Amino acid sequence: MARLIRTDGDERIVSPKDRRAGFTLPELRALLECDYIEIVGLPGGNLLVIDEEGKMKEGNGVNVPASWMAHVAGAIAFDDCIVGHALLCRDSEVK
């Protein structure tokens, strides 16, 4: 199961429509409310799926929990941040 981390502080558990196949690109786009996704690798086979264009969209907020996870993992620089919603999942959940 994956955790959707929204910029408004709401977090919820989500699952792909077909659990065996994993999240499809349309499912990821819908969850993150975006057109283009970016995958940030984390240790232990975990991923953060984020909006590739999050920083370019007016009104998107910094996703503090997702940014912190990426900083701790060394996946992004400490002066960088993730903007927009994020999906924390296992690499096996994304096909």
Protein backbone atom coordinates (compact mmCIF):
# COMPACT_ATOMS: atom_id res chain seq x y z
CA MET A 1 0.00 0.00 0.00
CA ALA A 2 1.14 3.52 -0.75
CA ARG A 3 0.75 6.79 1.12
CA LEU A 4 -0.44 9.93 -0.65
CA ILE A 5 1.12 12.99 1.01
CA ARG A 6 -0.75 16.15 0.07
CA THR A 7 0.59 19.67 0.53
CA ASP A 8 -2.39 20.59 2.73
CA GLY A 9 -1.18 18.11 5.35
CA ASP A 10 -3.68 15.40 4.48
CA GLU A 11 -2.19 11.91 4.20
CA ARG A 12 -4.06 8.78 3.18
CA ILE A 13 -3.37 5.22 2.18
CA VAL A 14 -4.04 4.50 -1.51
CA SER A 15 -3.79 1.41 -3.67
CA PRO A 16 -3.56 0.86 -7.40
CA LYS A 17 -6.68 -0.32 -9.16
CA ASP A 18 -4.90 -3.57 -9.98
CA ARG A 19 -2.65 -4.37 -7.02
CA ARG A 20 -0.73 -7.04 -8.92
CA ALA A 21 0.08 -4.73 -11.83
CA GLY A 22 0.83 -1.62 -9.76
CA PHE A 23 0.00 2.03 -10.35
CA THR A 24 -0.47 3.03 -13.97
CA LEU A 25 0.69 6.37 -15.31
CA PRO A 26 -2.90 7.69 -15.53
CA GLU A 27 -3.48 6.66 -11.89
CA LEU A 28 -0.33 8.46 -10.77
CA ARG A 29 -1.25 11.59 -12.72
CA ALA A 30 -4.72 11.62 -11.16
CA LEU A 31 -3.43 11.11 -7.60
CA LEU A 32 -0.79 13.82 -7.93
CA GLU A 33 -3.01 16.15 -10.00
CA CYS A 34 -0.28 16.59 -12.60
CA ASP A 35 0.70 15.89 -16.20
CA TYR A 36 4.30 14.77 -15.74
CA ILE A 37 5.69 12.66 -12.94
CA GLU A 38 9.19 12.34 -11.53
CA ILE A 39 10.40 9.38 -9.49
CA VAL A 40 12.76 10.01 -6.60
CA GLY A 41 14.51 6.89 -5.34
CA LEU A 42 14.74 6.35 -1.59
CA PRO A 43 16.59 3.64 0.33
CA GLY A 44 15.10 0.20 0.87
CA GLY A 45 13.18 -0.01 -2.39
CA ASN A 46 10.95 2.98 -1.64
CA LEU A 47 10.03 5.74 -4.08
CA LEU A 48 8.58 9.20 -3.91
CA VAL A 49 6.52 9.90 -7.02
CA ILE A 50 6.15 13.66 -7.46
CA ASP A 51 4.90 16.29 -9.92
CA GLU A 52 7.84 17.03 -12.21
CA GLU A 53 6.50 20.54 -12.85
CA GLY A 54 5.37 21.22 -9.27
CA LYS A 55 7.64 24.23 -8.80
CA MET A 56 6.37 25.88 -11.97
CA LYS A 57 2.69 25.80 -10.97
CA GLU A 58 1.25 28.78 -9.18
CA GLY A 59 -0.48 27.91 -5.93
CA ASN A 60 1.40 24.65 -5.24
CA GLY A 61 2.86 24.50 -1.77
CA VAL A 62 6.04 22.96 -0.46
CA ASN A 63 5.49 19.38 0.62
CA VAL A 64 7.41 19.46 3.90
CA PRO A 65 7.14 15.73 4.81
CA ALA A 66 8.14 14.59 1.30
CA SER A 67 11.00 17.12 1.17
CA TRP A 68 12.27 15.92 4.55
CA MET A 69 12.21 12.26 3.41
CA ALA A 70 14.14 13.15 0.26
CA HIS A 71 16.68 15.23 2.21
CA VAL A 72 17.36 12.49 4.76
CA ALA A 73 17.81 9.97 1.95
CA GLY A 74 20.22 12.29 0.15
CA ALA A 75 17.95 12.24 -2.90
CA ILE A 76 17.72 16.04 -3.11
CA ALA A 77 19.97 18.84 -1.89
CA PHE A 78 19.18 20.48 1.46
CA ASP A 79 18.50 23.79 -0.27
CA ASP A 80 15.91 22.12 -2.53
CA CYS A 81 12.34 21.05 -1.81
CA ILE A 82 9.46 19.08 -3.27
CA VAL A 83 6.49 21.16 -4.35
CA GLY A 84 3.08 19.58 -4.84
CA HIS A 85 1.61 16.28 -3.76
CA ALA A 86 3.78 13.17 -3.40
CA LEU A 87 3.18 9.43 -3.35
CA LEU A 88 5.38 7.30 -1.10
CA CYS A 89 5.36 3.71 -2.33
CA ARG A 90 7.45 0.61 -2.95
CA ASP A 91 9.24 0.38 -6.28
CA SER A 92 7.24 -2.76 -7.01
CA GLU A 93 4.01 -0.72 -6.92
CA VAL A 94 4.93 1.38 -9.95
CA LYS A 95 5.01 -0.22 -13.38
